Amino acid sequence: MPEWTGDILSMEIIAVGIITILAVISPGPDFAMVTRIALARGRRAGVLCAIGIGTGVSVHLGYTLIGLGVVFASNVWVLSALRYLGAAYLIWLGLSALWPDIRRLLGRPDHSKSASGVTNSDQPDQNQTRPAQNSGSAFWIGFACNALNPKTMLFIVSLFSQVISPDTAIIQEVAYGVYIAACHMIWFALVATALTLPSVQARIAAIKSWIERGVGICLAGLGVKLLAS
């Protein structure tokens, strides 16, 4: 009996490990978000966005571990509320990436330049506080991206209700949660690091603005798809 129990536990650990990795590396809002943040704000902001994503997953892990995950997932109003909030957030993020183009289409002036023709990025007194602000907002953008994602909620609930045995010790379940959150942080931190390598930056410098537009369209499209699902 102990050997049989040990075999089941080993299979459970392997299943959780593989399923989590496949879920994390699959393209989705998180990948698009880290791509946009890393390209627009740099490596530090991208890594902090990755940490925020992992922290957002921890929200779903927290209420699932105390037994509320199945309750939330089985209530239509909870899923609907999370779906509307998540969709609105993704659409807002997508439109914010496209906002400079939208302003130009509307014929509004571009305030990125001052009256003297100097861009904001050329004004050192304004830039002194910008890195800290960007870093903080990058973390919360990543956090909200996953905390408001109903698909992340369903993934966590399904994993703990269908793959992980009810007889699994609570310390083991907590270890699974730490592993899942860490996988999100590490993977997306690697993505942010790779996108901000000097060699990569040199290759995409000419099309960086188009990449950001594409990411914005993807985020808005994912929000519309989530809203219509």
C-alpha atoms as a PDB file:
ATOM      1  CA  MET A   1       0.000   0.000   0.000  1.00  0.00           C
ATOM      2  CA  PRO A   2       2.732   2.538   0.799  1.00  0.00           C
ATOM      3  CA  GLU A   3       4.442   1.733  -2.511  1.00  0.00           C
ATOM      4  CA  TRP A   4       1.160   2.240  -4.374  1.00  0.00           C
ATOM      5  CA  THR A   5       0.595   5.552  -2.585  1.00  0.00           C
ATOM      6  CA  GLY A   6       4.119   6.616  -3.421  1.00  0.00           C
ATOM      7  CA  ASP A   7       3.593   5.807  -7.098  1.00  0.00           C
ATOM      8  CA  ILE A   8       0.395   7.875  -7.177  1.00  0.00           C
ATOM      9  CA  LEU A   9       2.156  10.813  -5.527  1.00  0.00           C
ATOM     10  CA  SER A  10       5.037  10.584  -8.011  1.00  0.00           C
ATOM     11  CA  MET A  11       2.606  10.566 -10.944  1.00  0.00           C
ATOM     12  CA  GLU A  12       0.780  13.525  -9.422  1.00  0.00           C
ATOM     13  CA  ILE A  13       3.991  15.532  -9.072  1.00  0.00           C
ATOM     14  CA  ILE A  14       4.972  14.774 -12.680  1.00  0.00           C
ATOM     15  CA  ALA A  15       1.489  15.679 -13.950  1.00  0.00           C
ATOM     16  CA  VAL A  16       1.428  18.986 -12.059  1.00  0.00           C
ATOM     17  CA  GLY A  17       4.935  19.812 -13.280  1.00  0.00           C
ATOM     18  CA  ILE A  18       4.228  19.127 -16.961  1.00  0.00           C
ATOM     19  CA  ILE A  19       0.741  20.675 -17.059  1.00  0.00           C
ATOM     20  CA  THR A  20       1.972  23.834 -15.355  1.00  0.00           C
ATOM     21  CA  ILE A  21       4.900  24.298 -17.736  1.00  0.00           C
ATOM     22  CA  LEU A  22       2.698  23.774 -20.795  1.00  0.00           C
ATOM     23  CA  ALA A  23       0.121  26.235 -19.463  1.00  0.00           C
ATOM     24  CA  VAL A  24       2.741  28.868 -18.628  1.00  0.00           C
ATOM     25  CA  ILE A  25       4.583  28.823 -21.962  1.00  0.00           C
ATOM     26  CA  SER A  26       1.428  28.825 -24.083  1.00  0.00           C
ATOM     27  CA  PRO A  27       0.817  32.239 -25.723  1.00  0.00           C
ATOM     28  CA  GLY A  28      -1.767  34.412 -24.021  1.00  0.00           C
ATOM     29  CA  PRO A  29      -2.376  37.789 -22.361  1.00  0.00           C
ATOM     30  CA  ASP A  30       0.588  37.338 -20.005  1.00  0.00           C
ATOM     31  CA  PHE A  31       3.041  36.849 -22.862  1.00  0.00           C
ATOM     32  CA  ALA A  32       1.662  39.831 -24.766  1.00  0.00           C
ATOM     33  CA  MET A  33       1.781  41.955 -21.619  1.00  0.00           C
ATOM     34  CA  VAL A  34       5.396  41.137 -20.763  1.00  0.00           C
ATOM     35  CA  THR A  35       6.403  41.709 -24.389  1.00  0.00           C
ATOM     36  CA  ARG A  36       4.859  45.163 -24.414  1.00  0.00           C
ATOM     37  CA  ILE A  37       6.234  46.208 -21.016  1.00  0.00           C
ATOM     38  CA  ALA A  38       9.757  44.914 -21.731  1.00  0.00           C
ATOM     39  CA  LEU A  39       9.991  46.571 -25.148  1.00  0.00           C
ATOM     40  CA  ALA A  40       8.480  49.864 -24.031  1.00  0.00           C
ATOM     41  CA  ARG A  41      10.011  50.255 -20.557  1.00  0.00           C
ATOM     42  CA  GLY A  42      13.043  47.983 -20.390  1.00  0.00           C
ATOM     43  CA  ARG A  43      14.228  44.857 -18.635  1.00  0.00           C
ATOM     44  CA  ARG A  44      13.604  45.927 -15.042  1.00  0.00           C
ATOM     45  CA  ALA A  45       9.977  46.791 -15.743  1.00  0.00           C
ATOM     46  CA  GLY A  46       9.531  43.543 -17.703  1.00  0.00           C
ATOM     47  CA  VAL A  47      10.888  41.437 -14.848  1.00  0.00           C
ATOM     48  CA  LEU A  48       8.681  43.271 -12.343  1.00  0.00           C
ATOM     49  CA  CYS A  49       5.710  42.617 -14.616  1.00  0.00           C
ATOM     50  CA  ALA A  50       6.644  38.912 -14.526  1.00  0.00           C
ATOM     51  CA  ILE A  51       6.748  39.017 -10.717  1.00  0.00           C
ATOM     52  CA  GLY A  52       3.340  40.685 -10.750  1.00  0.00           C
ATOM     53  CA  ILE A  53       1.975  37.922 -12.972  1.00  0.00           C
ATOM     54  CA  GLY A  54       3.189  35.259 -10.536  1.00  0.00           C
ATOM     55  CA  THR A  55       1.728  37.198  -7.630  1.00  0.00           C
ATOM     56  CA  GLY A  56      -1.600  37.460  -9.450  1.00  0.00           C
ATOM     57  CA  VAL A  57      -1.657  33.671  -9.850  1.00  0.00           C
ATOM     58  CA  SER A  58      -1.167  33.432  -6.094  1.00  0.00           C
ATOM     59  CA  VAL A  59      -4.561  35.091  -5.587  1.00  0.00           C
ATOM     60  CA  HIS A  60      -6.283  32.186  -7.331  1.00  0.00           C
ATOM     61  CA  LEU A  61      -4.056  29.706  -5.522  1.00  0.00           C
ATOM     62  CA  GLY A  62      -4.929  31.243  -2.167  1.00  0.00           C
ATOM     63  CA  TYR A  63      -8.692  30.854  -2.320  1.00  0.00           C
ATOM     64  CA  THR A  64      -8.380  27.456  -4.020  1.00  0.00           C
ATOM     65  CA  LEU A  65      -6.204  26.096  -1.210  1.00  0.00           C
ATOM     66  CA  ILE A  66      -8.782  27.086   1.405  1.00  0.00           C
ATOM     67  CA  GLY A  67     -11.544  25.356  -0.540  1.00  0.00           C
ATOM     68  CA  LEU A  68     -13.270  28.316  -2.204  1.00  0.00           C
ATOM     69  CA  GLY A  69     -12.048  27.654  -5.729  1.00  0.00           C
ATOM     70  CA  VAL A  70     -14.748  25.136  -6.637  1.00  0.00           C
ATOM     71  CA  VAL A  71     -17.384  27.359  -5.012  1.00  0.00           C
ATOM     72  CA  PHE A  72     -16.326  30.359  -7.092  1.00  0.00           C
ATOM     73  CA  ALA A  73     -15.992  28.346 -10.306  1.00  0.00           C
ATOM     74  CA  SER A  74     -19.484  26.892  -9.904  1.00  0.00           C
ATOM     75  CA  ASN A  75     -21.118  30.307  -9.426  1.00  0.00           C
ATOM     76  CA  VAL A  76     -22.020  31.924 -12.723  1.00  0.00           C
ATOM     77  CA  TRP A  77     -22.045  35.460 -11.308  1.00  0.00           C
ATOM     78  CA  VAL A  78     -18.457  35.122 -10.033  1.00  0.00           C
ATOM     79  CA  LEU A  79     -17.210  33.904 -13.407  1.00  0.00           C
ATOM     80  CA  SER A  80     -19.220  36.548 -15.243  1.00  0.00           C
ATOM     81  CA  ALA A  81     -17.932  39.364 -13.029  1.00  0.00           C
ATOM     82  CA  LEU A  82     -14.344  38.184 -13.429  1.00  0.00           C
ATOM     83  CA  ARG A  83     -14.838  37.794 -17.174  1.00  0.00           C
ATOM     84  CA  TYR A  84     -16.193  41.323 -17.611  1.00  0.00           C
ATOM     85  CA  LEU A  85     -13.476  42.857 -15.445  1.00  0.00           C
ATOM     86  CA  GLY A  86     -10.717  40.893 -17.174  1.00  0.00           C
ATOM     87  CA  ALA A  87     -12.057  41.690 -20.650  1.00  0.00           C
ATOM     88  CA  ALA A  88     -12.396  45.406 -19.866  1.00  0.00           C
ATOM     89  CA  TYR A  89      -8.857  45.468 -18.467  1.00  0.00           C
ATOM     90  CA  LEU A  90      -7.352  43.766 -21.538  1.00  0.00           C
ATOM     91  CA  ILE A  91      -9.239  46.070 -23.905  1.00  0.00           C
ATOM     92  CA  TRP A  92      -8.061  49.116 -21.937  1.00  0.00           C
ATOM     93  CA  LEU A  93      -4.452  47.906 -22.038  1.00  0.00           C
ATOM     94  CA  GLY A  94      -4.694  47.233 -25.754  1.00  0.00           C
ATOM     95  CA  LEU A  95      -6.152  50.660 -26.484  1.00  0.00           C
ATOM     96  CA  SER A  96      -3.526  52.340 -24.308  1.00  0.00           C
ATOM     97  CA  ALA A  97      -0.837  50.797 -26.509  1.00  0.00           C
ATOM     98  CA  LEU A  98      -2.632  52.150 -29.567  1.00  0.00           C
ATOM     99  CA  TRP A  99      -3.477  55.518 -28.013  1.00  0.00           C
ATOM    100  CA  PRO A 100      -0.743  57.551 -29.808  1.00  0.00           C
ATOM    101  CA  ASP A 101      -2.056  56.277 -33.146  1.00  0.00           C
ATOM    102  CA  ILE A 102      -5.650  56.930 -32.107  1.00  0.00           C
ATOM    103  CA  ARG A 103      -4.755  60.515 -31.164  1.00  0.00           C
ATOM    104  CA  ARG A 104      -3.141  61.055 -34.545  1.00  0.00           C
ATOM    105  CA  LEU A 105      -6.182  59.651 -36.346  1.00  0.00           C
ATOM    106  CA  LEU A 106      -8.398  62.014 -34.360  1.00  0.00           C
ATOM    107  CA  GLY A 107      -6.167  64.908 -35.352  1.00  0.00           C
ATOM    108  CA  ARG A 108      -5.140  65.757 -31.812  1.00  0.00           C
ATOM    109  CA  PRO A 109      -1.674  67.222 -31.139  1.00  0.00           C
ATOM    110  CA  ASP A 110       1.127  64.957 -29.963  1.00  0.00           C
ATOM    111  CA  HIS A 111       2.114  66.066 -26.473  1.00  0.00           C
ATOM    112  CA  SER A 112       5.240  63.917 -26.465  1.00  0.00           C
ATOM    113  CA  LYS A 113       7.085  67.048 -27.567  1.00  0.00           C
ATOM    114  CA  SER A 114       7.213  70.355 -25.810  1.00  0.00           C
ATOM    115  CA  ALA A 115       6.868  73.744 -27.456  1.00  0.00           C
ATOM    116  CA  SER A 116      10.629  73.874 -27.872  1.00  0.00           C
ATOM    117  CA  GLY A 117      10.581  70.630 -29.841  1.00  0.00           C
ATOM    118  CA  VAL A 118      12.304  68.631 -27.102  1.00  0.00           C
ATOM    119  CA  THR A 119      10.737  65.277 -26.343  1.00  0.00           C
ATOM    120  CA  ASN A 120       9.835  64.336 -22.805  1.00  0.00           C
ATOM    121  CA  SER A 121      12.509  61.659 -22.871  1.00  0.00           C
ATOM    122  CA  ASP A 122      15.077  64.431 -23.384  1.00  0.00           C
ATOM    123  CA  GLN A 123      14.070  66.271 -20.214  1.00  0.00           C
ATOM    124  CA  PRO A 124      16.209  64.896 -17.368  1.00  0.00           C
ATOM    125  CA  ASP A 125      14.262  66.536 -14.538  1.00  0.00           C
ATOM    126  CA  GLN A 126      11.074  64.715 -15.552  1.00  0.00           C
ATOM    127  CA  ASN A 127      12.804  61.415 -16.130  1.00  0.00           C
ATOM    128  CA  GLN A 128      14.329  61.188 -12.678  1.00  0.00           C
ATOM    129  CA  THR A 129      11.106  59.878 -11.153  1.00  0.00           C
ATOM    130  CA  ARG A 130       9.865  57.978 -14.198  1.00  0.00           C
ATOM    131  CA  PRO A 131      11.788  54.663 -13.710  1.00  0.00           C
ATOM    132  CA  ALA A 132      10.336  54.116 -10.248  1.00  0.00           C
ATOM    133  CA  GLN A 133       6.841  54.950 -11.465  1.00  0.00           C
ATOM    134  CA  ASN A 134       7.183  52.627 -14.460  1.00  0.00           C
ATOM    135  CA  SER A 135       8.501  49.825 -12.272  1.00  0.00           C
ATOM    136  CA  GLY A 136       5.651  50.081  -9.812  1.00  0.00           C
ATOM    137  CA  SER A 137       2.985  50.245 -12.497  1.00  0.00           C
ATOM    138  CA  ALA A 138       4.594  47.341 -14.372  1.00  0.00           C
ATOM    139  CA  PHE A 139       4.194  45.102 -11.312  1.00  0.00           C
ATOM    140  CA  TRP A 140       0.528  46.017 -10.846  1.00  0.00           C
ATOM    141  CA  ILE A 141      -0.211  45.629 -14.557  1.00  0.00           C
ATOM    142  CA  GLY A 142       1.131  42.065 -14.413  1.00  0.00           C
ATOM    143  CA  PHE A 143      -0.709  41.387 -11.161  1.00  0.00           C
ATOM    144  CA  ALA A 144      -4.074  42.568 -12.488  1.00  0.00           C
ATOM    145  CA  CYS A 145      -3.566  40.729 -15.782  1.00  0.00           C
ATOM    146  CA  ASN A 146      -3.664  37.380 -13.977  1.00  0.00           C
ATOM    147  CA  ALA A 147      -5.783  38.209 -10.942  1.00  0.00           C
ATOM    148  CA  LEU A 148      -8.613  39.280 -13.288  1.00  0.00           C
ATOM    149  CA  ASN A 149      -8.172  36.404 -15.731  1.00  0.00           C
ATOM    150  CA  PRO A 150     -11.031  33.868 -15.421  1.00  0.00           C
ATOM    151  CA  LYS A 151      -9.067  31.341 -17.478  1.00  0.00           C
ATOM    152  CA  THR A 152      -6.309  31.364 -14.864  1.00  0.00           C
ATOM    153  CA  MET A 153      -8.934  30.805 -12.202  1.00  0.00           C
ATOM    154  CA  LEU A 154     -10.407  27.832 -14.077  1.00  0.00           C
ATOM    155  CA  PHE A 155      -6.937  26.397 -14.715  1.00  0.00           C
ATOM    156  CA  ILE A 156      -6.001  26.505 -11.035  1.00  0.00           C
ATOM    157  CA  VAL A 157      -9.352  25.121  -9.887  1.00  0.00           C
ATOM    158  CA  SER A 158      -9.285  22.330 -12.489  1.00  0.00           C
ATOM    159  CA  LEU A 159      -5.713  21.399 -11.591  1.00  0.00           C
ATOM    160  CA  PHE A 160      -6.420  21.145  -7.882  1.00  0.00           C
ATOM    161  CA  SER A 161      -9.767  19.392  -8.274  1.00  0.00           C
ATOM    162  CA  GLN A 162      -8.968  16.935 -11.081  1.00  0.00           C
ATOM    163  CA  VAL A 163      -5.225  16.294 -11.015  1.00  0.00           C
ATOM    164  CA  ILE A 164      -4.309  16.724  -7.358  1.00  0.00           C
ATOM    165  CA  SER A 165      -5.762  14.071  -5.063  1.00  0.00           C
ATOM    166  CA  PRO A 166      -8.020  15.144  -2.153  1.00  0.00           C
ATOM    167  CA  ASP A 167      -5.753  13.045   0.069  1.00  0.00           C
ATOM    168  CA  THR A 168      -2.691  15.132  -0.760  1.00  0.00           C
ATOM    169  CA  ALA A 169      -1.242  16.799   2.325  1.00  0.00           C
ATOM    170  CA  ILE A 170      -1.821  20.545   2.609  1.00  0.00           C
ATOM    171  CA  ILE A 171       1.935  21.205   2.745  1.00  0.00           C
ATOM    172  CA  GLN A 172       2.248  19.389  -0.585  1.00  0.00           C
ATOM    173  CA  GLU A 173      -0.538  21.519  -2.074  1.00  0.00           C
ATOM    174  CA  VAL A 174       1.177  24.679  -0.848  1.00  0.00           C
ATOM    175  CA  ALA A 175       4.392  23.451  -2.483  1.00  0.00           C
ATOM    176  CA  TYR A 176       2.482  23.001  -5.744  1.00  0.00           C
ATOM    177  CA  GLY A 177       1.207  26.566  -5.420  1.00  0.00           C
ATOM    178  CA  VAL A 178       4.699  27.931  -4.866  1.00  0.00           C
ATOM    179  CA  TYR A 179       5.907  25.966  -7.884  1.00  0.00           C
ATOM    180  CA  ILE A 180       3.103  27.287 -10.123  1.00  0.00           C
ATOM    181  CA  ALA A 181       3.710  30.907  -9.090  1.00  0.00           C
ATOM    182  CA  ALA A 182       7.482  30.499  -9.473  1.00  0.00           C
ATOM    183  CA  CYS A 183       7.087  29.019 -12.968  1.00  0.00           C
ATOM    184  CA  HIS A 184       5.116  32.084 -14.051  1.00  0.00           C
ATOM    185  CA  MET A 185       7.684  34.471 -12.592  1.00  0.00           C
ATOM    186  CA  ILE A 186      10.738  32.657 -13.982  1.00  0.00           C
ATOM    187  CA  TRP A 187       9.367  32.061 -17.481  1.00  0.00           C
ATOM    188  CA  PHE A 188       8.141  35.607 -18.062  1.00  0.00           C
ATOM    189  CA  ALA A 189      11.276  37.066 -16.482  1.00  0.00           C
ATOM    190  CA  LEU A 190      13.267  35.046 -19.033  1.00  0.00           C
ATOM    191  CA  VAL A 191      11.029  36.381 -21.811  1.00  0.00           C
ATOM    192  CA  ALA A 192      11.600  39.961 -20.629  1.00  0.00           C
ATOM    193  CA  THR A 193      15.345  39.369 -20.374  1.00  0.00           C
ATOM    194  CA  ALA A 194      15.539  37.820 -23.852  1.00  0.00           C
ATOM    195  CA  LEU A 195      13.584  40.676 -25.432  1.00  0.00           C
ATOM    196  CA  THR A 196      15.887  43.280 -23.905  1.00  0.00           C
ATOM    197  CA  LEU A 197      19.187  41.697 -24.921  1.00  0.00           C
ATOM    198  CA  PRO A 198      21.276  44.201 -26.914  1.00  0.00           C
ATOM    199  CA  SER A 199      21.423  41.878 -29.923  1.00  0.00           C
ATOM    200  CA  VAL A 200      17.643  41.463 -29.939  1.00  0.00           C
ATOM    201  CA  GLN A 201      17.059  45.186 -29.413  1.00  0.00           C
ATOM    202  CA  ALA A 202      19.333  45.999 -32.352  1.00  0.00           C
ATOM    203  CA  ARG A 203      17.379  43.687 -34.640  1.00  0.00           C
ATOM    204  CA  ILE A 204      13.917  44.914 -33.692  1.00  0.00           C
ATOM    205  CA  ALA A 205      14.732  48.618 -33.239  1.00  0.00           C
ATOM    206  CA  ALA A 206      13.240  49.546 -36.592  1.00  0.00           C
ATOM    207  CA  ILE A 207       9.990  47.672 -36.003  1.00  0.00           C
ATOM    208  CA  LYS A 208       9.594  48.122 -32.231  1.00  0.00           C
ATOM    209  CA  SER A 209       6.686  50.522 -32.630  1.00  0.00           C
ATOM    210  CA  TRP A 210       4.930  48.067 -34.937  1.00  0.00           C
ATOM    211  CA  ILE A 211       5.472  45.267 -32.436  1.00  0.00           C
ATOM    212  CA  GLU A 212       3.858  47.388 -29.737  1.00  0.00           C
ATOM    213  CA  ARG A 213       0.927  48.101 -32.035  1.00  0.00           C
ATOM    214  CA  GLY A 214       0.574  44.394 -32.754  1.00  0.00           C
ATOM    215  CA  VAL A 215       0.657  43.569 -29.041  1.00  0.00           C
ATOM    216  CA  GLY A 216      -1.966  46.250 -28.385  1.00  0.00           C
ATOM    217  CA  ILE A 217      -4.234  44.767 -31.043  1.00  0.00           C
ATOM    218  CA  CYS A 218      -3.714  41.274 -29.577  1.00  0.00           C
ATOM    219  CA  LEU A 219      -4.565  42.447 -26.051  1.00  0.00           C
ATOM    220  CA  ALA A 220      -7.688  44.274 -27.199  1.00  0.00           C
ATOM    221  CA  GLY A 221      -8.664  41.291 -29.355  1.00  0.00           C
ATOM    222  CA  LEU A 222      -8.227  38.891 -26.427  1.00  0.00           C
ATOM    223  CA  GLY A 223     -10.403  41.173 -24.311  1.00  0.00           C
ATOM    224  CA  VAL A 224     -13.155  41.228 -26.964  1.00  0.00           C
ATOM    225  CA  LYS A 225     -12.899  37.448 -27.344  1.00  0.00           C
ATOM    226  CA  LEU A 226     -13.148  36.990 -23.578  1.00  0.00           C
ATOM    227  CA  LEU A 227     -16.126  39.334 -23.458  1.00  0.00           C
ATOM    228  CA  ALA A 228     -17.906  37.409 -26.202  1.00  0.00           C
ATOM    229  CA  SER A 229     -17.127  33.939 -24.838  1.00  0.00           C
END
